[in-house]
Amino acid sequence: MPEHQHSHDHGDHGHDHAGHNHAPKVSSGNERAVLIGLCLTGGFMVAEVIGGYLSGSLALIADAGHMLTDTVALFLAWLGFRLGRRPPDARRSFGYSRLEVLAGMINALALFALVGWIGYEAVNRFLAPEEVLAGPMLVVAVLGLVVNLIVFRILSGADADHVNIKGALLHVLGDLLGSVGAIAAAIVIWLTGWMPIDPILSVVVSLLILKSAWALLTRTFNILMEGAPDGVDIDDLQADLRSAVPGLGKVGHLHVWSLSSGQAMATLEIALAPGADPAAVSTAVKQRLQEEHDIGHATVEIDWSGRGAQCPAAQP
């Protein structure tokens, strides 16, 4: 690839750091809904751990572990909204949004450890079944179902299209299944006295936790590695820009990554068609990225030599 030369000033980039906010749009309604859900879910998670310990139910403790994934998901969503209010400073020009990604990875690793412990306890209980008090287990499981229904209703009333709200809703839906399973296990123990249903259910709920933990780990790892966001194909994105933006000649050196969950960013180099207006093309490229691909911040550099943008897009 021949060495390409750029002759450009800051106007070619088409953005102004002084007036640009990288944080997502923050809605007070969304933040309040998430905070209420966080308090309800986190509070009942503690109650479920206590109930599981007193009743001897490993399934309740496993369900509390799944509620922990909900609690952390809600906390990260709230943290994302909260940090969105903090402006960037001279040292952290992108603000503090990536803290939620670091917290998410730590949470995922902790959940793997929790699943390992629950699996170990389940094997021990298969080998030496322990008595489970069906009555207290049933009461706690029903209360858990009620709390999850309330949280789901609260979050459904918020902006369900927001990535953080949507993620929290999915977590709560998963926990609803865990609560239903715990209720079923309590009824089986109450009617038949068959204790193995408790460790069996704890393993099932652990699989739900494992699925959530793996999804969280891969998502946060991809963000930290500055990989392309889910659903973004660099070649398709390049082709779309060339076909949709009048006056755009070529696109090269296209990189797309996420600052944090739901905050996609891009840098790219463009070559202009003969006679095209640089400012108009640059603006149109950024509008296309925003409106069609949900990439809210793009740095567009114009290659005046006509050679640089011929290089193939570099995969992030």
Protein backbone atom coordinates (compact mmCIF):
# COMPACT_ATOMS: atom_id res chain seq x y z
CA MET A 1 0.00 0.00 0.00
CA PRO A 2 1.56 3.32 -0.99
CA GLU A 3 2.11 5.88 1.67
CA HIS A 4 -0.79 8.30 1.71
CA GLN A 5 -0.49 11.94 2.50
CA HIS A 6 -3.10 14.10 4.10
CA SER A 7 -3.46 17.80 3.85
CA HIS A 8 -6.26 18.83 6.12
CA ASP A 9 -7.17 21.11 8.96
CA HIS A 10 -9.53 20.52 11.86
CA GLY A 11 -12.46 21.61 9.77
CA ASP A 12 -12.09 18.43 7.72
CA HIS A 13 -12.89 16.34 10.76
CA GLY A 14 -16.32 17.87 11.01
CA HIS A 15 -16.65 17.93 14.78
CA ASP A 16 -15.78 20.19 17.67
CA HIS A 17 -14.63 18.58 20.93
CA ALA A 18 -15.48 21.66 22.93
CA GLY A 19 -19.16 21.38 22.18
CA HIS A 20 -19.48 17.65 21.72
CA ASN A 21 -20.84 15.39 24.43
CA HIS A 22 -19.92 11.71 24.10
CA ALA A 23 -22.33 10.61 26.81
CA PRO A 24 -25.70 9.09 25.91
CA LYS A 25 -28.84 11.10 26.23
CA VAL A 26 -30.02 10.84 29.82
CA SER A 27 -33.69 10.68 30.67
CA SER A 28 -34.69 11.41 34.27
CA GLY A 29 -37.66 9.06 33.82
CA ASN A 30 -35.39 6.22 32.71
CA GLU A 31 -32.96 6.85 35.54
CA ARG A 32 -35.73 6.93 38.14
CA ALA A 33 -37.32 3.71 36.82
CA VAL A 34 -33.99 1.91 36.90
CA LEU A 35 -33.20 3.17 40.40
CA ILE A 36 -36.55 1.95 41.76
CA GLY A 37 -36.05 -1.42 40.08
CA LEU A 38 -32.52 -1.59 41.48
CA CYS A 39 -33.67 -0.96 45.05
CA LEU A 40 -36.50 -3.52 44.84
CA THR A 41 -34.41 -6.21 43.18
CA GLY A 42 -31.34 -5.69 45.36
CA GLY A 43 -33.39 -5.59 48.55
CA PHE A 44 -35.27 -8.77 47.76
CA MET A 45 -32.07 -10.50 46.64
CA VAL A 46 -30.79 -10.15 50.22
CA ALA A 47 -34.12 -11.41 51.56
CA GLU A 48 -33.97 -14.41 49.22
CA VAL A 49 -30.47 -15.34 50.41
CA ILE A 50 -31.72 -15.24 53.99
CA GLY A 51 -34.83 -17.22 53.07
CA GLY A 52 -32.77 -19.80 51.20
CA TYR A 53 -30.44 -20.21 54.16
CA LEU A 54 -33.26 -20.56 56.71
CA SER A 55 -35.32 -22.95 54.56
CA GLY A 56 -32.30 -24.93 53.43
CA SER A 57 -33.17 -24.36 49.77
CA LEU A 58 -30.25 -24.25 47.36
CA ALA A 59 -32.71 -23.35 44.59
CA LEU A 60 -33.63 -20.13 46.40
CA ILE A 61 -29.97 -19.25 46.84
CA ALA A 62 -29.39 -19.97 43.14
CA ASP A 63 -32.36 -17.77 42.28
CA ALA A 64 -30.85 -15.08 44.49
CA GLY A 65 -27.70 -15.46 42.41
CA HIS A 66 -29.76 -14.87 39.31
CA MET A 67 -31.30 -11.84 40.98
CA LEU A 68 -27.74 -10.68 41.57
CA THR A 69 -27.30 -10.58 37.78
CA ASP A 70 -30.47 -8.47 37.61
CA THR A 71 -29.23 -6.20 40.38
CA VAL A 72 -25.88 -5.66 38.71
CA ALA A 73 -27.53 -5.11 35.32
CA LEU A 74 -29.82 -2.49 36.85
CA PHE A 75 -26.89 -0.93 38.70
CA LEU A 76 -24.86 -0.68 35.51
CA ALA A 77 -27.85 0.84 33.71
CA TRP A 78 -28.29 3.38 36.51
CA LEU A 79 -24.55 4.03 36.56
CA GLY A 80 -24.62 4.65 32.81
CA PHE A 81 -27.38 7.22 33.23
CA ARG A 82 -25.69 8.79 36.23
CA LEU A 83 -22.29 9.05 34.62
CA GLY A 84 -23.94 10.48 31.55
CA ARG A 85 -24.53 13.63 33.58
CA ARG A 86 -20.82 14.10 34.25
CA PRO A 87 -19.12 16.16 31.57
CA PRO A 88 -15.74 15.15 30.15
CA ASP A 89 -12.73 16.86 31.67
CA ALA A 90 -9.20 17.66 30.55
CA ARG A 91 -7.87 14.28 31.67
CA ARG A 92 -10.83 12.12 30.60
CA SER A 93 -12.06 13.63 27.37
CA PHE A 94 -14.56 10.79 26.91
CA GLY A 95 -15.90 11.07 30.45
CA TYR A 96 -16.44 8.11 32.77
CA SER A 97 -18.76 5.89 30.76
CA ARG A 98 -16.30 3.01 30.42
CA LEU A 99 -16.50 2.40 34.18
CA GLU A 100 -19.71 0.48 33.54
CA VAL A 101 -17.82 -1.84 31.16
CA LEU A 102 -15.13 -2.58 33.75
CA ALA A 103 -17.80 -3.21 36.38
CA GLY A 104 -19.62 -5.50 33.96
CA MET A 105 -16.54 -7.64 33.37
CA ILE A 106 -15.86 -7.95 37.11
CA ASN A 107 -19.51 -8.94 37.61
CA ALA A 108 -19.30 -11.61 34.88
CA LEU A 109 -16.21 -13.20 36.46
CA ALA A 110 -17.89 -13.17 39.87
CA LEU A 111 -20.94 -14.90 38.42
CA PHE A 112 -18.79 -17.70 37.01
CA ALA A 113 -17.44 -18.26 40.52
CA LEU A 114 -21.00 -18.27 41.89
CA VAL A 115 -22.11 -20.88 39.35
CA GLY A 116 -19.14 -23.05 40.31
CA TRP A 117 -20.11 -22.89 43.99
CA ILE A 118 -23.77 -23.69 43.28
CA GLY A 119 -22.72 -26.66 41.11
CA TYR A 120 -20.47 -27.97 43.89
CA GLU A 121 -23.26 -27.65 46.47
CA ALA A 122 -25.76 -29.32 44.11
CA VAL A 123 -23.52 -32.38 43.68
CA ASN A 124 -23.13 -32.66 47.45
CA ARG A 125 -26.88 -32.51 47.91
CA PHE A 126 -27.44 -35.22 45.32
CA LEU A 127 -25.05 -37.44 47.26
CA ALA A 128 -26.44 -36.45 50.68
CA PRO A 129 -29.90 -34.84 50.37
CA GLU A 130 -30.75 -32.20 52.94
CA GLU A 131 -34.22 -31.36 54.21
CA VAL A 132 -35.85 -28.31 52.66
CA LEU A 133 -38.71 -26.46 54.38
CA ALA A 134 -41.26 -26.23 51.60
CA GLY A 135 -43.48 -23.65 53.34
CA PRO A 136 -40.88 -20.87 53.80
CA MET A 137 -39.41 -21.70 50.40
CA LEU A 138 -42.80 -21.26 48.73
CA VAL A 139 -43.49 -17.96 50.49
CA VAL A 140 -40.12 -16.49 49.50
CA ALA A 141 -40.44 -17.73 45.91
CA VAL A 142 -43.91 -16.21 45.53
CA LEU A 143 -42.69 -12.90 46.93
CA GLY A 144 -39.79 -13.04 44.49
CA LEU A 145 -42.20 -13.49 41.61
CA VAL A 146 -44.26 -10.51 42.80
CA VAL A 147 -41.16 -8.30 43.10
CA ASN A 148 -39.99 -9.27 39.63
CA LEU A 149 -43.42 -8.53 38.16
CA ILE A 150 -43.40 -5.09 39.81
CA VAL A 151 -39.89 -4.33 38.52
CA PHE A 152 -40.86 -5.51 35.03
CA ARG A 153 -43.92 -3.26 35.08
CA ILE A 154 -41.84 -0.25 36.18
CA LEU A 155 -39.19 -0.80 33.52
CA SER A 156 -41.83 -1.39 30.84
CA GLY A 157 -43.12 2.10 31.55
CA ALA A 158 -39.69 3.58 30.77
CA ASP A 159 -38.04 3.97 27.35
CA ALA A 160 -37.88 0.31 26.28
CA ASP A 161 -35.86 1.24 23.17
CA HIS A 162 -32.92 2.39 25.29
CA VAL A 163 -30.16 -0.22 25.31
CA ASN A 164 -29.78 -0.16 29.11
CA ILE A 165 -33.52 -0.44 29.74
CA LYS A 166 -33.83 -3.23 27.19
CA GLY A 167 -30.98 -5.16 28.77
CA ALA A 168 -32.46 -4.78 32.25
CA LEU A 169 -35.86 -6.01 31.00
CA LEU A 170 -34.26 -9.14 29.57
CA HIS A 171 -32.55 -9.84 32.90
CA VAL A 172 -35.81 -9.46 34.82
CA LEU A 173 -37.62 -11.76 32.37
CA GLY A 174 -34.99 -14.41 33.03
CA ASP A 175 -35.42 -14.03 36.76
CA LEU A 176 -39.19 -14.41 36.43
CA LEU A 177 -38.51 -17.90 35.09
CA GLY A 178 -36.27 -18.61 38.08
CA SER A 179 -39.01 -17.54 40.49
CA VAL A 180 -41.59 -19.72 38.73
CA GLY A 181 -39.19 -22.66 38.92
CA ALA A 182 -38.60 -22.11 42.64
CA ILE A 183 -42.37 -22.06 43.23
CA ALA A 184 -42.74 -25.31 41.30
CA ALA A 185 -39.94 -26.95 43.32
CA ALA A 186 -41.49 -25.84 46.61
CA ILE A 187 -44.85 -27.31 45.60
CA VAL A 188 -43.22 -30.61 44.57
CA ILE A 189 -41.40 -30.86 47.91
CA TRP A 190 -44.56 -29.93 49.80
CA LEU A 191 -46.71 -32.54 48.01
CA THR A 192 -44.23 -35.38 47.56
CA GLY A 193 -41.27 -34.71 49.86
CA TRP A 194 -38.89 -35.36 46.94
CA MET A 195 -35.85 -33.33 47.99
CA PRO A 196 -33.65 -33.82 44.86
CA ILE A 197 -35.86 -31.37 42.98
CA ASP A 198 -34.14 -28.56 44.92
CA PRO A 199 -30.57 -29.19 43.68
CA ILE A 200 -31.93 -30.05 40.21
CA LEU A 201 -33.64 -26.68 40.01
CA SER A 202 -30.55 -24.92 41.37
CA VAL A 203 -28.55 -26.33 38.44
CA VAL A 204 -31.21 -25.16 35.96
CA VAL A 205 -31.13 -21.65 37.41
CA SER A 206 -27.32 -21.78 37.37
CA LEU A 207 -27.47 -22.38 33.62
CA LEU A 208 -29.51 -19.18 33.29
CA ILE A 209 -26.86 -17.37 35.31
CA LEU A 210 -24.11 -18.91 33.19
CA LYS A 211 -25.80 -17.78 29.99
CA SER A 212 -26.16 -14.22 31.29
CA ALA A 213 -22.59 -14.19 32.61
CA TRP A 214 -21.15 -15.44 29.32
CA ALA A 215 -23.11 -12.86 27.32
CA LEU A 216 -21.95 -10.11 29.68
CA LEU A 217 -18.32 -11.28 29.56
CA THR A 218 -18.16 -11.47 25.76
CA ARG A 219 -19.87 -8.09 25.38
CA THR A 220 -17.60 -6.29 27.82
CA PHE A 221 -14.50 -8.03 26.43
CA ASN A 222 -15.42 -6.93 22.91
CA ILE A 223 -15.86 -3.32 24.07
CA LEU A 224 -12.56 -3.30 25.94
CA MET A 225 -10.84 -4.76 22.87
CA GLU A 226 -12.47 -2.01 20.80
CA GLY A 227 -14.18 -4.57 18.58
CA ALA A 228 -16.98 -3.66 16.22
CA PRO A 229 -20.37 -3.44 17.97
CA ASP A 230 -22.88 -6.24 17.44
CA GLY A 231 -24.62 -5.93 14.09
CA VAL A 232 -21.92 -3.76 12.50
CA ASP A 233 -20.19 -5.19 9.44
CA ILE A 234 -17.36 -2.94 8.24
CA ASP A 235 -17.64 -3.94 4.57
CA ASP A 236 -21.44 -3.49 4.53
CA LEU A 237 -21.11 -0.14 6.28
CA GLN A 238 -18.56 1.02 3.73
CA ALA A 239 -20.79 -0.02 0.84
CA ASP A 240 -23.82 1.66 2.39
CA LEU A 241 -22.01 4.99 2.75
CA ARG A 242 -20.76 4.91 -0.83
CA SER A 243 -24.22 4.18 -2.21
CA ALA A 244 -26.20 6.52 0.05
CA VAL A 245 -24.07 9.69 0.30
CA PRO A 246 -23.95 11.90 -2.82
CA GLY A 247 -20.49 13.20 -3.65
CA LEU A 248 -18.70 10.48 -1.71
CA GLY A 249 -16.00 8.84 -3.79
CA LYS A 250 -14.30 6.27 -1.58
CA VAL A 251 -14.19 5.23 2.07
CA GLY A 252 -11.13 3.82 3.80
CA HIS A 253 -9.47 3.32 7.16
CA LEU A 254 -12.89 2.76 8.68
CA HIS A 255 -12.84 1.79 12.36
CA VAL A 256 -15.96 1.29 14.47
CA TRP A 257 -15.93 0.53 18.19
CA SER A 258 -17.88 1.21 21.37
CA LEU A 259 -16.91 3.55 24.17
CA SER A 260 -19.41 1.76 26.41
CA SER A 261 -22.70 -0.03 25.99
CA GLY A 262 -24.79 1.77 23.37
CA GLN A 263 -22.13 4.38 22.51
CA ALA A 264 -20.75 3.44 19.10
CA MET A 265 -18.02 5.57 17.57
CA ALA A 266 -16.23 5.64 14.23
CA THR A 267 -13.24 7.12 12.47
CA LEU A 268 -12.91 7.03 8.70
CA GLU A 269 -11.18 8.60 5.75
CA ILE A 270 -13.13 9.65 2.68
CA ALA A 271 -12.27 10.74 -0.83
CA LEU A 272 -14.58 13.18 -2.62
CA ALA A 273 -16.12 12.81 -6.04
CA PRO A 274 -15.11 15.54 -8.50
CA GLY A 275 -16.86 18.81 -7.70
CA ALA A 276 -18.33 17.61 -4.38
CA ASP A 277 -18.65 20.03 -1.48
CA PRO A 278 -16.41 18.78 1.38
CA ALA A 279 -18.56 20.16 4.21
CA ALA A 280 -21.78 18.79 2.73
CA VAL A 281 -20.34 15.31 2.15
CA SER A 282 -18.78 15.15 5.62
CA THR A 283 -22.06 16.20 7.23
CA ALA A 284 -24.03 13.69 5.16
CA VAL A 285 -21.67 10.87 6.13
CA LYS A 286 -22.11 11.60 9.83
CA GLN A 287 -25.88 11.90 9.48
CA ARG A 288 -26.01 8.55 7.71
CA LEU A 289 -23.94 6.93 10.42
CA GLN A 290 -26.17 8.41 13.12
CA GLU A 291 -29.57 7.77 11.58
CA GLU A 292 -29.05 4.40 9.91
CA HIS A 293 -26.30 2.78 11.97
CA ASP A 294 -26.70 4.37 15.43
CA ILE A 295 -23.10 5.64 15.46
CA GLY A 296 -23.40 8.86 17.40
CA HIS A 297 -19.83 10.14 17.17
CA ALA A 298 -17.77 10.01 13.98
CA THR A 299 -14.47 11.61 13.04
CA VAL A 300 -14.36 12.10 9.28
CA GLU A 301 -11.05 12.92 7.62
CA ILE A 302 -10.88 13.98 3.99
CA ASP A 303 -8.04 12.57 1.92
CA TRP A 304 -7.19 15.23 -0.64
CA SER A 305 -4.61 13.07 -2.41
CA GLY A 306 -7.25 10.58 -3.58
CA ARG A 307 -5.03 7.66 -2.66
CA GLY A 308 -5.49 7.02 1.05
CA ALA A 309 -9.16 6.11 0.88
CA GLN A 310 -8.36 3.37 -1.64
CA CYS A 311 -6.81 1.29 1.13
CA PRO A 312 -9.13 -1.45 2.42
CA ALA A 313 -10.97 -0.79 5.66
CA ALA A 314 -9.04 -2.01 8.68
CA GLN A 315 -10.99 -4.35 10.87
CA PRO A 316 -10.96 -3.17 14.49
